[in-house]
Protein backbone atom coordinates (compact mmCIF):
# COMPACT_ATOMS: atom_id res chain seq x y z
CA MET A 1 -0.01 -0.17 -0.06
CA LYS A 2 1.39 3.46 -0.89
CA LEU A 3 0.97 5.92 2.00
CA ASN A 4 -0.91 9.12 1.06
CA LEU A 5 1.65 11.58 2.58
CA LYS A 6 1.55 15.23 2.50
CA ARG A 7 5.52 15.56 3.45
CA PRO A 8 8.21 13.12 4.32
CA LEU A 9 7.32 10.27 6.43
CA VAL A 10 10.35 8.58 8.82
CA VAL A 11 9.77 5.34 9.98
CA PHE A 12 12.13 4.75 12.79
CA ASP A 13 13.28 3.12 16.03
CA LEU A 14 16.39 3.53 18.48
CA GLU A 15 18.42 1.37 20.38
CA THR A 16 19.80 2.99 23.56
CA THR A 17 21.92 2.35 26.78
CA GLY A 18 18.65 2.35 28.85
CA LEU A 19 15.49 3.78 29.22
CA ASP A 20 16.27 6.75 31.15
CA LEU A 21 16.01 9.79 29.10
CA VAL A 22 18.42 11.93 31.08
CA ASN A 23 21.27 9.48 31.76
CA ASP A 24 20.91 7.17 28.87
CA ARG A 25 22.20 7.51 25.09
CA ILE A 26 21.30 6.42 21.45
CA ILE A 27 23.62 3.41 20.50
CA GLN A 28 21.78 2.88 16.94
CA LEU A 29 19.37 4.84 14.53
CA SER A 30 17.85 3.36 11.68
CA TYR A 31 14.96 4.58 9.46
CA ILE A 32 13.15 4.58 6.29
CA LYS A 33 12.38 8.10 4.99
CA VAL A 34 9.42 7.53 2.80
CA SER A 35 8.71 10.60 0.38
CA PRO A 36 5.18 11.55 -1.02
CA ASP A 37 6.21 10.08 -4.60
CA GLY A 38 6.40 7.04 -2.82
CA THR A 39 10.18 6.71 -2.94
CA GLU A 40 12.31 5.49 0.24
CA LYS A 41 15.35 5.84 1.55
CA SER A 42 16.80 3.91 4.32
CA GLY A 43 19.60 4.78 7.02
CA ASN A 44 21.42 2.70 9.65
CA GLU A 45 24.18 3.80 12.06
CA LEU A 46 25.70 2.69 15.27
CA ILE A 47 26.28 5.58 17.61
CA ASN A 48 29.19 5.94 20.29
CA PRO A 49 26.96 6.65 23.48
CA GLY A 50 30.22 8.03 25.51
CA LYS A 51 29.52 5.66 28.09
CA GLU A 52 29.40 1.85 28.69
CA ILE A 53 26.45 -0.13 26.92
CA PRO A 54 25.08 -2.53 29.52
CA LYS A 55 25.52 -6.45 29.45
CA GLU A 56 21.89 -6.52 29.37
CA VAL A 57 21.42 -4.31 26.69
CA THR A 58 24.41 -6.15 24.60
CA ASP A 59 22.72 -9.19 25.37
CA LEU A 60 19.39 -7.96 24.08
CA THR A 61 20.92 -5.99 20.72
CA GLY A 62 23.63 -7.55 20.30
CA ILE A 63 25.69 -4.07 20.06
CA THR A 64 28.77 -4.07 22.14
CA ASN A 65 31.02 -1.48 23.32
CA GLU A 66 33.95 -2.91 21.15
CA MET A 67 31.09 -2.35 17.82
CA VAL A 68 30.47 1.49 18.87
CA LYS A 69 33.84 2.57 20.41
CA ASP A 70 35.03 4.31 16.71
CA ALA A 71 31.56 5.35 16.04
CA PRO A 72 30.50 9.20 15.50
CA THR A 73 28.62 10.43 18.95
CA PHE A 74 25.17 11.94 18.47
CA LYS A 75 26.51 15.37 19.02
CA GLN A 76 29.08 14.63 15.79
CA ARG A 77 26.11 13.72 13.58
CA ALA A 78 23.50 15.82 15.04
CA ALA A 79 23.37 18.19 12.15
CA ASP A 80 23.46 15.61 9.57
CA ILE A 81 20.49 14.09 11.35
CA ASN A 82 18.66 17.47 11.60
CA ARG A 83 19.13 17.91 7.81
CA GLU A 84 17.44 14.61 6.95
CA PHE A 85 14.55 14.74 9.55
CA THR A 86 13.61 18.76 8.95
CA GLY A 87 10.84 18.93 7.42
CA CYS A 88 9.30 15.12 7.72
CA ASP A 89 6.78 13.44 10.27
CA PHE A 90 7.70 10.43 12.28
CA CYS A 91 6.40 6.97 12.85
CA GLY A 92 7.56 4.36 15.38
CA TYR A 93 6.66 1.78 17.74
CA ASN A 94 6.17 3.01 21.19
CA SER A 95 7.68 5.87 19.96
CA ASN A 96 5.81 8.83 21.68
CA ARG A 97 6.43 7.57 24.90
CA PHE A 98 10.18 6.99 24.36
CA ASP A 99 11.69 7.22 20.84
CA VAL A 100 11.13 10.48 20.18
CA PRO A 101 11.62 12.02 23.76
CA MET A 102 15.01 10.16 23.61
CA LEU A 103 15.37 11.62 20.15
CA ALA A 104 14.79 15.27 21.13
CA GLU A 105 17.06 14.82 24.15
CA GLU A 106 19.94 13.88 22.08
CA PHE A 107 19.40 16.85 19.75
CA LEU A 108 19.20 19.32 22.64
CA ARG A 109 22.03 18.06 24.44
CA ALA A 110 23.82 18.75 20.86
CA GLY A 111 22.50 22.28 20.64
CA ILE A 112 19.94 21.86 18.08
CA ASP A 113 16.63 22.25 19.17
CA PHE A 114 14.42 20.10 16.87
CA ASP A 115 11.00 21.15 17.18
CA PHE A 116 9.01 17.99 17.44
CA SER A 117 5.83 19.91 18.19
CA LYS A 118 5.28 21.06 14.27
CA CYS A 119 5.43 17.27 13.11
CA ARG A 120 2.84 14.61 12.83
CA LEU A 121 3.77 12.00 15.47
CA ILE A 122 2.47 8.55 14.43
CA ASP A 123 2.79 5.61 16.85
CA ALA A 124 2.08 2.33 15.72
CA GLN A 125 1.63 0.78 19.09
CA THR A 126 -0.93 3.43 19.92
CA ILE A 127 -3.05 2.53 16.83
CA PHE A 128 -2.51 -1.61 17.92
CA MET A 129 -3.84 -0.98 21.03
CA LYS A 130 -6.84 1.23 20.49
CA GLN A 131 -7.89 -0.86 17.51
CA GLU A 132 -7.11 -4.24 19.23
CA PRO A 133 -7.61 -3.53 22.78
CA ARG A 134 -6.50 -5.38 25.91
CA ASN A 135 -8.95 -4.48 28.31
CA LEU A 136 -10.95 -6.93 30.40
CA ALA A 137 -14.20 -6.36 27.93
CA ALA A 138 -12.16 -6.93 24.69
CA ALA A 139 -10.70 -10.37 26.81
CA TYR A 140 -14.05 -11.40 27.87
CA LYS A 141 -15.42 -11.56 24.46
CA PHE A 142 -12.63 -13.09 22.88
CA TYR A 143 -12.68 -16.00 25.63
CA THR A 144 -16.18 -16.40 25.80
CA GLY A 145 -17.71 -15.15 23.08
CA HIS A 146 -19.97 -12.61 24.72
CA ARG A 147 -19.88 -8.83 25.63
CA MET A 148 -19.42 -7.81 29.04
CA ASP A 149 -22.17 -5.10 28.50
CA GLU A 150 -24.81 -8.03 27.55
CA ASP A 151 -23.91 -10.15 30.75
CA PHE A 152 -23.26 -7.45 33.28
CA ARG A 153 -25.07 -4.22 33.66
CA ALA A 154 -22.33 -2.02 34.87
CA HIS A 155 -18.68 -2.38 35.30
CA ARG A 156 -18.55 -2.85 39.27
CA ALA A 157 -15.95 -4.80 41.10
CA ASP A 158 -17.97 -8.27 41.71
CA GLN A 159 -18.72 -8.38 38.29
CA ASP A 160 -15.28 -7.46 36.91
CA ALA A 161 -14.26 -10.36 39.16
CA ALA A 162 -16.60 -12.82 37.84
CA ALA A 163 -15.58 -11.84 34.55
CA THR A 164 -12.02 -12.38 35.22
CA TYR A 165 -12.96 -15.73 36.27
CA ALA A 166 -14.70 -16.52 33.09
CA VAL A 167 -11.58 -15.28 31.15
CA LEU A 168 -8.87 -17.08 33.07
CA LYS A 169 -10.75 -20.24 32.33
CA GLY A 170 -11.42 -19.55 29.07
CA GLU A 171 -7.47 -19.34 28.65
CA LEU A 172 -7.10 -22.93 30.20
CA GLU A 173 -9.45 -24.23 27.66
CA MET A 174 -8.04 -22.58 24.65
CA TYR A 175 -4.19 -23.03 25.51
CA ALA A 176 -4.56 -26.56 26.94
CA PRO A 177 -2.14 -29.29 26.10
CA GLY A 178 -3.00 -30.60 22.54
CA ARG A 179 -5.01 -27.47 21.40
CA VAL A 180 -2.39 -25.03 20.56
CA ASP A 181 -1.42 -25.24 16.96
CA ASP A 182 0.40 -21.86 16.61
CA PRO A 183 3.86 -22.17 17.22
CA ASP A 184 4.12 -18.47 18.94
CA LYS A 185 1.54 -19.52 21.53
CA GLN A 186 2.59 -21.61 24.78
CA GLU A 187 0.23 -24.23 25.76
CA LEU A 188 -0.69 -24.04 29.58
CA HIS A 189 -1.35 -26.53 31.96
CA ASN A 190 -3.91 -26.18 34.65
CA ASP A 191 -1.33 -25.35 37.21
CA MET A 192 -1.00 -21.95 39.33
CA ASP A 193 2.87 -22.50 39.82
CA GLU A 194 3.10 -22.18 35.65
CA LEU A 195 0.51 -19.89 35.63
CA ALA A 196 2.49 -17.24 38.05
CA GLU A 197 5.41 -17.76 36.22
CA PHE A 198 3.96 -16.91 32.88
CA SER A 199 2.10 -14.45 34.10
CA LYS A 200 5.31 -12.21 35.30
CA HIS A 201 6.32 -9.18 32.98
CA ASN A 202 9.17 -8.09 34.80
CA ASP A 203 12.14 -9.01 37.33
CA ASN A 204 10.95 -6.31 39.99
CA VAL A 205 11.32 -7.30 43.52
CA ASP A 206 9.14 -4.17 44.66
CA PHE A 207 5.90 -3.13 42.69
CA ALA A 208 7.80 -0.03 41.71
CA GLY A 209 10.73 -1.36 40.45
CA ARG A 210 13.36 0.21 42.19
CA ILE A 211 14.71 -3.10 43.00
CA VAL A 212 15.11 -6.01 40.57
CA TRP A 213 16.56 -9.50 40.16
CA LYS A 214 19.64 -10.07 38.31
CA ASP A 215 21.45 -13.19 37.67
CA VAL A 216 24.74 -13.72 39.48
CA ILE A 217 27.34 -13.57 37.08
CA GLY A 218 30.70 -15.94 37.76
CA PRO A 219 34.56 -15.43 37.09
CA ASP A 220 33.95 -17.04 33.83
CA GLY A 221 30.72 -14.34 32.62
CA LYS A 222 28.28 -16.93 32.89
CA PRO A 223 25.35 -17.19 34.90
CA VAL A 224 26.25 -19.29 38.30
CA ILE A 225 24.12 -22.32 38.74
CA GLY A 226 22.78 -23.21 42.28
CA ALA A 227 22.53 -26.34 43.66
CA ASP A 228 19.06 -26.92 42.63
CA GLY A 229 20.17 -26.57 39.30
CA LYS A 230 18.78 -23.27 38.65
CA VAL A 231 20.21 -19.72 37.79
CA VAL A 232 21.02 -17.90 41.34
CA ARG A 233 19.75 -14.71 41.07
CA HIS A 234 20.26 -11.36 43.88
CA GLU A 235 18.64 -8.11 44.27
CA MET A 236 20.28 -4.79 42.86
CA PHE A 237 19.07 -1.47 42.68
CA ASN A 238 17.37 -0.15 39.72
CA PHE A 239 18.02 3.48 40.19
CA GLY A 240 20.32 6.32 41.31
CA LYS A 241 24.14 6.08 42.53
CA TYR A 242 24.23 2.53 42.86
CA ARG A 243 22.19 1.40 40.16
CA GLY A 244 23.34 -2.31 38.56
CA GLN A 245 25.10 -2.73 41.91
CA ALA A 246 23.48 -5.47 44.46
CA VAL A 247 21.65 -4.45 47.33
CA THR A 248 23.49 -6.27 49.72
CA ASP A 249 26.89 -4.98 48.66
CA VAL A 250 25.72 -1.53 48.87
CA LEU A 251 24.12 -2.19 52.72
CA HIS A 252 27.61 -3.33 53.51
CA ARG A 253 29.62 -0.25 52.08
CA ASP A 254 27.23 2.13 52.65
CA PRO A 255 24.66 1.64 55.51
CA GLY A 256 23.46 5.07 55.42
CA TYR A 257 21.79 4.60 52.22
CA TYR A 258 19.02 2.44 53.70
CA SER A 259 18.41 5.18 56.20
CA TRP A 260 18.21 7.71 53.48
CA MET A 261 15.69 5.62 51.54
CA LEU A 262 13.63 4.83 54.74
CA SER A 263 13.29 8.56 55.10
CA SER A 264 12.70 9.70 51.37
CA ALA A 265 9.95 9.19 49.15
CA PHE A 266 9.88 5.89 48.27
CA THR A 267 6.60 3.47 48.20
CA LEU A 268 5.99 1.70 51.42
CA ASP A 269 6.48 -1.45 49.72
CA THR A 270 9.90 -0.69 48.27
CA LYS A 271 10.70 0.44 51.92
CA GLN A 272 9.68 -2.92 53.47
CA VAL A 273 11.52 -4.70 50.68
CA LEU A 274 14.56 -3.13 51.46
CA THR A 275 14.04 -3.83 55.25
CA ARG A 276 13.71 -7.49 54.69
CA ILE A 277 16.75 -8.11 52.47
CA ARG A 278 18.58 -6.00 55.43
CA LEU A 279 17.05 -8.06 57.94
CA ARG A 280 18.03 -11.09 56.14
CA GLU A 281 21.79 -10.24 55.66
CA PHE A 282 21.95 -8.87 59.16
CA ASN A 283 20.67 -12.42 60.70
CA ASN A 284 23.17 -13.95 58.23
CA GLY A 285 25.99 -11.66 59.43
CA GLN A 286 26.62 -10.39 56.41
CA ALA A 287 25.73 -6.57 56.81
CA LYS A 288 26.37 -3.81 59.00
CA VAL A 289 23.46 -2.39 60.90
């Protein structure tokens, strides 16, 4: 399908050192620039972020520090990218929440005020989520074949709970072993441990994600395997000056950090999780108090 364009559309994606708009940097910029006459121009380049690429980002993207060490910085490329993108509209996936703000930050750090407010910003993820809702009503219709507004008078907690129960049973029936033909879908057993593991969408220790689970890496650079045959994991800070460092190590080196967190504006759950870790380590004789 040929797009009905009034001006060029840049369909783009970024790879970055992380998700922090202030502290993280672009390591790859790729785009397809589509002109109103239908011609396309592609661009793909690695960017030197001026900082270390975290291992988890390298594992995800395949982009290493060695690959970007001789690449230009964004500041060195900013003027050319500005010329290429001026007068264009933009499209990405989750781009309005991340890629566009990140690109805007990089331009500003390079001294270029690229005014995205004058551009049409099209987010394919937003279109997908609005056209194919992932809310309870959509799930109820998909798994039961009924509309919630026909089976229930109003969206109340008791009725939503009943609908959710129906959805869960419908999911177990649809994805039961022997009934899944799509290789992109996983069979689900009627087992609560399996369902709980499958339901995880992050490695957060606390709900706010200030502390996360990470694999313990051995001297050989590989994850450490415990006596139970599973990868050993430990809690790491996911913010601030100790981001990426083991919570237990920080509690040992800087006991005052615990007091600072308890007196600061963190959620009660985060403080409770941190306290549990501290008490566990104290009882094991591995941390100062």
